């Protein structure tokens, strides 16, 4: 098994791969327009995971670099799952110097609870204080 190399260099990202995965295979962004993916990448701290020079994993953090961050779009392409790459991506993400000292780091997930719980994520302690505007089918016509 090859080691996962992780980089925050946006110029190394395989944006067509990210777009294809999000728009066609994700459970949260099916139909997302390419321009929206481009804008999300441009305005986030992005983590690309690479095996033998090929991108196989991705995550991004939307943050103010001071108090809050949200982990979004974390995925490993299907043929590379089960090798610990999501865990390695999370370890690197959480250790990133720009994400230290945040009061809150959040994530929304339908099927990744086990992974995130390994890193100390839990349901909100005060869910009555959390509100959101959510449009799950915004990209689907």
N, C-alpha and C. Protein backbone atom coordinates (compact mmCIF):
# COMPACT_ATOMS: atom_id res chain seq x y z
N UNK A 1 0.84 -1.18 0.00
CA UNK A 1 0.00 0.00 0.00
C UNK A 1 0.89 1.25 0.00
N UNK A 2 0.62 2.14 -0.91
CA UNK A 2 1.38 3.39 -0.99
C UNK A 2 0.90 4.37 0.06
N UNK A 3 1.83 5.17 0.54
CA UNK A 3 1.51 6.18 1.54
C UNK A 3 0.73 7.32 0.90
N UNK A 4 -0.14 7.90 1.68
CA UNK A 4 -0.89 9.07 1.23
C UNK A 4 -0.06 10.31 1.49
N UNK A 5 0.16 11.09 0.47
CA UNK A 5 0.84 12.38 0.58
C UNK A 5 -0.25 13.44 0.64
N UNK A 6 -0.15 14.35 1.59
CA UNK A 6 -1.19 15.37 1.76
C UNK A 6 -0.58 16.75 1.59
N UNK A 7 -1.28 17.59 0.83
CA UNK A 7 -0.81 18.92 0.54
C UNK A 7 -1.96 19.92 0.62
N UNK A 8 -1.63 21.15 1.03
CA UNK A 8 -2.61 22.23 1.00
C UNK A 8 -2.37 23.18 -0.18
N UNK A 9 -1.51 22.78 -1.09
CA UNK A 9 -1.21 23.59 -2.27
C UNK A 9 -2.36 23.45 -3.27
N UNK A 10 -3.14 24.51 -3.43
CA UNK A 10 -4.29 24.46 -4.33
C UNK A 10 -3.89 24.15 -5.78
N UNK A 11 -2.69 24.54 -6.18
CA UNK A 11 -2.27 24.31 -7.56
C UNK A 11 -2.10 22.82 -7.87
N UNK A 12 -1.98 21.99 -6.84
CA UNK A 12 -1.85 20.54 -7.04
C UNK A 12 -3.20 19.83 -7.14
N UNK A 13 -4.29 20.50 -6.79
CA UNK A 13 -5.59 19.85 -6.77
C UNK A 13 -6.04 19.44 -8.16
N UNK A 14 -6.64 18.28 -8.25
CA UNK A 14 -7.26 17.80 -9.49
C UNK A 14 -8.72 18.25 -9.42
N UNK A 15 -8.96 19.50 -9.80
CA UNK A 15 -10.29 20.08 -9.66
C UNK A 15 -11.33 19.33 -10.49
N UNK A 16 -11.02 18.86 -11.71
CA UNK A 16 -12.01 18.06 -12.43
C UNK A 16 -12.43 16.80 -11.64
N UNK A 17 -11.48 16.14 -10.98
CA UNK A 17 -11.81 14.97 -10.16
C UNK A 17 -12.71 15.37 -9.00
N UNK A 18 -12.36 16.46 -8.31
CA UNK A 18 -13.17 16.93 -7.19
C UNK A 18 -14.58 17.25 -7.66
N UNK A 19 -14.67 17.99 -8.76
CA UNK A 19 -15.98 18.34 -9.32
C UNK A 19 -16.79 17.10 -9.68
N UNK A 20 -16.17 16.15 -10.37
CA UNK A 20 -16.88 14.92 -10.76
C UNK A 20 -17.40 14.18 -9.53
N UNK A 21 -16.53 14.02 -8.53
CA UNK A 21 -16.97 13.31 -7.34
C UNK A 21 -18.14 14.03 -6.68
N UNK A 22 -17.98 15.32 -6.41
CA UNK A 22 -19.03 16.06 -5.72
C UNK A 22 -20.34 16.07 -6.50
N UNK A 23 -20.26 16.32 -7.79
CA UNK A 23 -21.47 16.48 -8.59
C UNK A 23 -22.15 15.16 -8.96
N UNK A 24 -21.37 14.06 -8.97
CA UNK A 24 -21.94 12.79 -9.43
C UNK A 24 -22.01 11.71 -8.36
N UNK A 25 -21.09 11.70 -7.39
CA UNK A 25 -21.01 10.57 -6.46
C UNK A 25 -21.28 10.92 -5.01
N UNK A 26 -21.19 12.18 -4.63
CA UNK A 26 -21.40 12.54 -3.22
C UNK A 26 -22.87 12.40 -2.86
N UNK A 27 -23.11 12.33 -1.57
CA UNK A 27 -24.50 12.30 -1.10
C UNK A 27 -25.00 13.69 -0.74
N UNK A 28 -24.12 14.70 -0.83
CA UNK A 28 -24.48 16.03 -0.35
C UNK A 28 -24.42 17.12 -1.41
N UNK A 29 -23.84 16.87 -2.56
CA UNK A 29 -23.68 17.97 -3.53
C UNK A 29 -23.96 17.53 -4.96
N UNK A 30 -24.79 16.53 -5.15
CA UNK A 30 -25.11 16.07 -6.50
C UNK A 30 -25.66 17.24 -7.32
N UNK A 31 -25.11 17.39 -8.52
CA UNK A 31 -25.55 18.45 -9.41
C UNK A 31 -24.88 19.80 -9.18
N UNK A 32 -23.94 19.87 -8.24
CA UNK A 32 -23.29 21.15 -7.96
C UNK A 32 -22.60 21.68 -9.22
N UNK A 33 -22.80 22.93 -9.55
CA UNK A 33 -22.14 23.49 -10.74
C UNK A 33 -20.62 23.63 -10.54
N UNK A 34 -19.89 23.50 -11.61
CA UNK A 34 -18.42 23.61 -11.56
C UNK A 34 -18.00 24.97 -11.00
N UNK A 35 -18.69 26.03 -11.36
CA UNK A 35 -18.32 27.36 -10.88
C UNK A 35 -18.45 27.45 -9.36
N UNK A 36 -19.40 26.74 -8.78
CA UNK A 36 -19.58 26.74 -7.33
C UNK A 36 -18.42 25.98 -6.67
N UNK A 37 -18.03 24.85 -7.26
CA UNK A 37 -16.88 24.09 -6.74
C UNK A 37 -15.62 24.95 -6.79
N UNK A 38 -15.41 25.62 -7.91
CA UNK A 38 -14.24 26.49 -8.05
C UNK A 38 -14.23 27.57 -6.97
N UNK A 39 -15.37 28.20 -6.74
CA UNK A 39 -15.46 29.27 -5.74
C UNK A 39 -15.25 28.73 -4.33
N UNK A 40 -15.79 27.54 -4.05
CA UNK A 40 -15.61 26.92 -2.73
C UNK A 40 -14.14 26.62 -2.47
N UNK A 41 -13.45 26.08 -3.47
CA UNK A 41 -12.02 25.79 -3.32
C UNK A 41 -11.23 27.08 -3.11
N UNK A 42 -11.55 28.10 -3.89
CA UNK A 42 -10.84 29.37 -3.80
C UNK A 42 -10.95 30.01 -2.42
N UNK A 43 -12.08 29.77 -1.75
CA UNK A 43 -12.34 30.43 -0.47
C UNK A 43 -12.23 29.50 0.73
N UNK A 44 -11.48 28.42 0.60
CA UNK A 44 -11.32 27.45 1.68
C UNK A 44 -9.86 27.05 1.83
N UNK A 45 -9.54 26.51 2.99
CA UNK A 45 -8.26 25.84 3.20
C UNK A 45 -8.46 24.41 2.73
N UNK A 46 -7.79 24.03 1.65
CA UNK A 46 -8.04 22.73 1.01
C UNK A 46 -6.90 21.76 1.28
N UNK A 47 -7.26 20.50 1.40
CA UNK A 47 -6.33 19.41 1.63
C UNK A 47 -6.53 18.37 0.53
N UNK A 48 -5.50 18.14 -0.26
CA UNK A 48 -5.54 17.10 -1.27
C UNK A 48 -4.73 15.91 -0.80
N UNK A 49 -5.25 14.72 -1.00
CA UNK A 49 -4.53 13.49 -0.67
C UNK A 49 -4.13 12.78 -1.95
N UNK A 50 -2.84 12.39 -2.05
CA UNK A 50 -2.30 11.86 -3.30
C UNK A 50 -1.57 10.55 -3.06
N UNK A 51 -1.78 9.61 -3.97
CA UNK A 51 -1.05 8.34 -3.97
C UNK A 51 -0.38 8.23 -5.33
N UNK A 52 0.94 8.09 -5.32
CA UNK A 52 1.72 8.00 -6.56
C UNK A 52 1.38 9.13 -7.53
N UNK A 53 1.20 10.34 -6.98
CA UNK A 53 0.93 11.51 -7.80
C UNK A 53 -0.50 11.70 -8.23
N UNK A 54 -1.37 10.76 -7.90
CA UNK A 54 -2.78 10.85 -8.30
C UNK A 54 -3.62 11.26 -7.10
N UNK A 55 -4.49 12.25 -7.29
CA UNK A 55 -5.35 12.66 -6.19
C UNK A 55 -6.41 11.60 -5.93
N UNK A 56 -6.52 11.20 -4.66
CA UNK A 56 -7.50 10.18 -4.28
C UNK A 56 -8.36 10.63 -3.10
N UNK A 57 -8.05 11.77 -2.52
CA UNK A 57 -8.80 12.25 -1.36
C UNK A 57 -8.82 13.77 -1.36
N UNK A 58 -9.81 14.32 -0.64
CA UNK A 58 -9.97 15.77 -0.59
C UNK A 58 -10.75 16.14 0.66
N UNK A 59 -10.46 17.29 1.20
CA UNK A 59 -11.25 17.91 2.25
C UNK A 59 -10.98 19.40 2.20
N UNK A 60 -11.93 20.17 2.67
CA UNK A 60 -11.70 21.60 2.77
C UNK A 60 -12.28 22.10 4.08
N UNK A 61 -11.69 23.19 4.57
CA UNK A 61 -12.17 23.82 5.79
C UNK A 61 -12.51 25.27 5.47
N UNK A 62 -13.73 25.64 5.80
CA UNK A 62 -14.16 27.03 5.70
C UNK A 62 -13.93 27.62 7.08
N UNK A 63 -13.12 28.67 7.16
CA UNK A 63 -12.73 29.18 8.47
C UNK A 63 -12.40 30.67 8.45
N UNK A 64 -12.47 31.27 9.63
CA UNK A 64 -11.97 32.63 9.79
C UNK A 64 -10.55 32.61 10.36
N UNK A 65 -9.99 31.41 10.58
CA UNK A 65 -8.64 31.20 11.10
C UNK A 65 -8.45 31.76 12.52
N UNK A 66 -9.54 32.05 13.20
CA UNK A 66 -9.43 32.61 14.55
C UNK A 66 -10.35 31.91 15.54
N UNK A 67 -11.63 31.73 15.17
CA UNK A 67 -12.59 31.21 16.13
C UNK A 67 -13.40 30.02 15.65
N UNK A 68 -13.58 29.89 14.35
CA UNK A 68 -14.53 28.89 13.83
C UNK A 68 -14.02 28.26 12.54
N UNK A 69 -14.39 27.01 12.36
CA UNK A 69 -14.14 26.32 11.10
C UNK A 69 -15.20 25.26 10.87
N UNK A 70 -15.40 24.94 9.62
CA UNK A 70 -16.33 23.88 9.23
C UNK A 70 -15.64 22.98 8.21
N UNK A 71 -15.59 21.69 8.52
CA UNK A 71 -15.01 20.72 7.59
C UNK A 71 -16.07 20.37 6.57
N UNK A 72 -15.71 20.46 5.30
CA UNK A 72 -16.66 20.21 4.23
C UNK A 72 -16.02 19.37 3.13
N UNK A 73 -16.87 18.65 2.42
CA UNK A 73 -16.49 17.93 1.21
C UNK A 73 -15.35 16.93 1.41
N UNK A 74 -15.26 16.32 2.58
CA UNK A 74 -14.22 15.31 2.80
C UNK A 74 -14.63 14.02 2.09
N UNK A 75 -13.74 13.50 1.24
CA UNK A 75 -14.01 12.23 0.58
C UNK A 75 -12.72 11.54 0.18
N UNK A 76 -12.83 10.23 0.01
CA UNK A 76 -11.80 9.39 -0.59
C UNK A 76 -12.50 8.70 -1.75
N UNK A 77 -11.89 8.71 -2.93
CA UNK A 77 -12.53 8.07 -4.07
C UNK A 77 -12.75 6.58 -3.76
N UNK A 78 -13.84 6.01 -4.25
CA UNK A 78 -14.22 4.66 -3.85
C UNK A 78 -13.13 3.59 -3.95
N UNK A 79 -12.35 3.59 -5.00
CA UNK A 79 -11.35 2.53 -5.18
C UNK A 79 -10.18 2.62 -4.20
N UNK A 80 -10.11 3.72 -3.42
CA UNK A 80 -9.02 3.88 -2.44
C UNK A 80 -9.52 3.88 -0.99
N UNK A 81 -10.78 3.55 -0.81
CA UNK A 81 -11.33 3.51 0.55
C UNK A 81 -10.85 2.27 1.30
N UNK A 82 -10.95 2.34 2.61
CA UNK A 82 -10.59 1.21 3.45
C UNK A 82 -9.10 1.08 3.70
N UNK A 83 -8.33 2.11 3.40
CA UNK A 83 -6.87 2.07 3.58
C UNK A 83 -6.38 3.05 4.63
N UNK A 84 -7.32 3.68 5.35
CA UNK A 84 -6.94 4.64 6.37
C UNK A 84 -6.66 6.04 5.85
N UNK A 85 -6.99 6.30 4.60
CA UNK A 85 -6.67 7.60 4.02
C UNK A 85 -7.54 8.72 4.60
N UNK A 86 -8.80 8.47 4.90
CA UNK A 86 -9.65 9.49 5.51
C UNK A 86 -9.11 9.85 6.89
N UNK A 87 -8.68 8.86 7.62
CA UNK A 87 -8.10 9.08 8.95
C UNK A 87 -6.82 9.93 8.84
N UNK A 88 -5.96 9.58 7.88
CA UNK A 88 -4.72 10.35 7.68
C UNK A 88 -5.04 11.79 7.28
N UNK A 89 -6.04 11.97 6.45
CA UNK A 89 -6.44 13.31 6.04
C UNK A 89 -6.93 14.11 7.24
N UNK A 90 -7.73 13.48 8.11
CA UNK A 90 -8.22 14.15 9.31
C UNK A 90 -7.07 14.51 10.26
N UNK A 91 -6.12 13.60 10.44
CA UNK A 91 -4.99 13.88 11.33
C UNK A 91 -4.22 15.10 10.84
N UNK A 92 -3.97 15.16 9.55
CA UNK A 92 -3.24 16.29 8.98
C UNK A 92 -4.04 17.57 9.08
N UNK A 93 -5.31 17.50 8.77
CA UNK A 93 -6.19 18.65 8.83
C UNK A 93 -6.21 19.23 10.26
N UNK A 94 -6.43 18.37 11.24
CA UNK A 94 -6.53 18.84 12.62
C UNK A 94 -5.21 19.38 13.17
N UNK A 95 -4.10 18.93 12.60
CA UNK A 95 -2.77 19.40 13.06
C UNK A 95 -2.32 20.66 12.34
N UNK A 96 -3.06 21.10 11.34
CA UNK A 96 -2.63 22.26 10.56
C UNK A 96 -2.49 23.48 11.47
N UNK A 97 -1.37 24.19 11.37
CA UNK A 97 -1.12 25.34 12.25
C UNK A 97 -2.21 26.42 12.20
N UNK A 98 -2.81 26.62 11.06
CA UNK A 98 -3.83 27.67 10.92
C UNK A 98 -5.15 27.32 11.57
N UNK A 99 -5.30 26.05 12.00
CA UNK A 99 -6.57 25.63 12.59
C UNK A 99 -6.46 25.40 14.09
N UNK A 100 -5.35 25.80 14.67
CA UNK A 100 -5.16 25.63 16.11
C UNK A 100 -5.85 26.77 16.86
N UNK A 101 -6.44 26.44 18.01
CA UNK A 101 -7.05 27.45 18.86
C UNK A 101 -8.45 27.87 18.46
N UNK A 102 -9.06 27.18 17.50
CA UNK A 102 -10.43 27.52 17.13
C UNK A 102 -11.37 27.14 18.27
N UNK A 103 -12.34 27.98 18.55
CA UNK A 103 -13.32 27.69 19.58
C UNK A 103 -14.27 26.57 19.13
N UNK A 104 -14.60 26.56 17.84
CA UNK A 104 -15.52 25.55 17.34
C UNK A 104 -15.07 25.09 15.96
N UNK A 105 -15.03 23.79 15.78
CA UNK A 105 -14.79 23.17 14.47
C UNK A 105 -15.94 22.21 14.27
N UNK A 106 -16.72 22.41 13.24
CA UNK A 106 -17.91 21.60 13.04
C UNK A 106 -17.81 20.78 11.76
N UNK A 107 -18.69 19.81 11.68
CA UNK A 107 -18.82 18.99 10.48
C UNK A 107 -20.26 18.47 10.43
N UNK A 108 -20.79 18.39 9.25
CA UNK A 108 -22.10 17.77 9.04
C UNK A 108 -21.86 16.51 8.22
N UNK A 109 -22.39 15.38 8.69
CA UNK A 109 -22.16 14.12 8.00
C UNK A 109 -23.36 13.21 8.13
N UNK A 110 -23.63 12.47 7.07
CA UNK A 110 -24.70 11.48 7.11
C UNK A 110 -24.16 10.10 7.46
N UNK A 111 -22.90 9.84 7.09
CA UNK A 111 -22.39 8.48 7.28
C UNK A 111 -20.95 8.41 7.79
N UNK A 112 -20.41 9.51 8.29
CA UNK A 112 -19.02 9.50 8.75
C UNK A 112 -18.87 9.68 10.25
N UNK A 113 -19.93 9.41 11.00
CA UNK A 113 -19.87 9.65 12.44
C UNK A 113 -18.72 8.92 13.12
N UNK A 114 -18.50 7.67 12.76
CA UNK A 114 -17.43 6.89 13.38
C UNK A 114 -16.08 7.53 13.22
N UNK A 115 -15.78 7.98 12.01
CA UNK A 115 -14.49 8.63 11.75
C UNK A 115 -14.36 9.89 12.59
N UNK A 116 -15.35 10.75 12.54
CA UNK A 116 -15.25 12.04 13.23
C UNK A 116 -15.24 11.86 14.75
N UNK A 117 -15.98 10.90 15.25
CA UNK A 117 -15.99 10.65 16.70
C UNK A 117 -14.61 10.22 17.19
N UNK A 118 -13.84 9.53 16.35
CA UNK A 118 -12.46 9.15 16.71
C UNK A 118 -11.60 10.38 17.02
N UNK A 119 -11.98 11.52 16.46
CA UNK A 119 -11.22 12.75 16.61
C UNK A 119 -11.89 13.74 17.56
N UNK A 120 -12.83 13.24 18.37
CA UNK A 120 -13.43 14.07 19.40
C UNK A 120 -14.68 14.82 19.00
N UNK A 121 -15.19 14.61 17.79
CA UNK A 121 -16.42 15.27 17.39
C UNK A 121 -17.60 14.57 18.04
N UNK A 122 -18.61 15.34 18.42
CA UNK A 122 -19.80 14.81 19.07
C UNK A 122 -20.99 15.68 18.68
N UNK A 123 -22.17 15.21 18.99
CA UNK A 123 -23.36 16.03 18.77
C UNK A 123 -23.21 17.32 19.57
N UNK A 124 -23.80 18.41 19.10
CA UNK A 124 -23.68 19.67 19.84
C UNK A 124 -24.13 19.52 21.29
N UNK A 125 -23.38 20.12 22.20
CA UNK A 125 -23.74 20.05 23.61
C UNK A 125 -25.02 20.81 23.90
N UNK A 126 -25.26 21.83 23.10
CA UNK A 126 -26.47 22.64 23.27
C UNK A 126 -27.16 22.78 21.92
N UNK A 127 -27.79 21.69 21.44
CA UNK A 127 -28.40 21.77 20.10
C UNK A 127 -29.46 22.86 19.98
N UNK A 128 -30.03 23.25 21.10
CA UNK A 128 -31.04 24.31 21.05
C UNK A 128 -30.43 25.66 20.65
N UNK A 129 -29.10 25.77 20.69
CA UNK A 129 -28.45 27.01 20.28
C UNK A 129 -28.03 26.98 18.82
N UNK A 130 -28.16 25.84 18.15
CA UNK A 130 -27.69 25.70 16.77
C UNK A 130 -28.88 25.84 15.81
N UNK A 131 -28.74 26.72 14.87
CA UNK A 131 -29.74 26.91 13.84
C UNK A 131 -29.04 26.87 12.49
N UNK A 132 -29.76 26.54 11.46
CA UNK A 132 -29.19 26.55 10.12
C UNK A 132 -30.25 26.83 9.09
N UNK A 133 -29.82 27.34 7.97
CA UNK A 133 -30.64 27.39 6.76
C UNK A 133 -30.07 26.32 5.86
N UNK A 134 -30.89 25.39 5.45
CA UNK A 134 -30.40 24.22 4.72
C UNK A 134 -31.27 23.99 3.50
N UNK A 135 -30.64 23.89 2.36
CA UNK A 135 -31.33 23.67 1.10
C UNK A 135 -30.72 22.43 0.44
N UNK A 136 -31.15 21.23 0.84
CA UNK A 136 -30.47 20.00 0.39
C UNK A 136 -30.52 19.74 -1.10
N UNK A 137 -31.49 20.27 -1.80
CA UNK A 137 -31.61 19.99 -3.24
C UNK A 137 -31.34 21.21 -4.09
N UNK A 138 -30.51 22.12 -3.60
CA UNK A 138 -30.27 23.38 -4.29
C UNK A 138 -29.67 23.19 -5.69
N UNK A 139 -28.90 22.11 -5.90
CA UNK A 139 -28.24 21.92 -7.19
C UNK A 139 -29.01 21.03 -8.15
N UNK A 140 -30.11 20.45 -7.66
CA UNK A 140 -30.89 19.54 -8.48
C UNK A 140 -32.04 20.31 -9.09
N UNK A 141 -32.18 20.22 -10.39
CA UNK A 141 -33.27 20.96 -11.09
C UNK A 141 -34.58 20.24 -10.96
